[in-house]
């Protein structure tokens, strides 16, 4: 849930991370530019959901490993590191999912924006004033296992 009272997560990045993140976002949006349907808001950084999704993609891109392969097709390098790394295929699969969440549908963060015009981000309020109570189990209503197996 996003609201105007939460601080922008971009402010939690260190100066070096801000620079790296900025380069990543520039590359990412340029990569998407070939698809005119996926145009970010001109002020994308003011949309908390978009910021969170882009930070998640950026941070997972830092663990992508492209293994070195020798002339015989054998993977070189630290096997344990490769096991824990994100594959490029998996990263793009996640990026495709995030693209749908960022750009498609009326609830996407940029749905009311264009590449030239910014609209305030969607905010969501709880529709129920208090949580409902969860139904309790009626233990006497349950039959013991041996009664069920005798039938």
Foldseek 3Di string as FASTA:
>chain_A
DDDPVDDQCLVVDDPVVNVQLVVQVVVVQVVCVVPQLQAAFLPNSQARVSSVLSVVLSVLVVQEDDFDADPVRDTDDDPVSNVPGDHPVNSVVSVVVVSCQQRPDCQHQCNVGGNYGDDHGDDDDDPDPDDDDDDDDPVVVDDDPVVVVVD
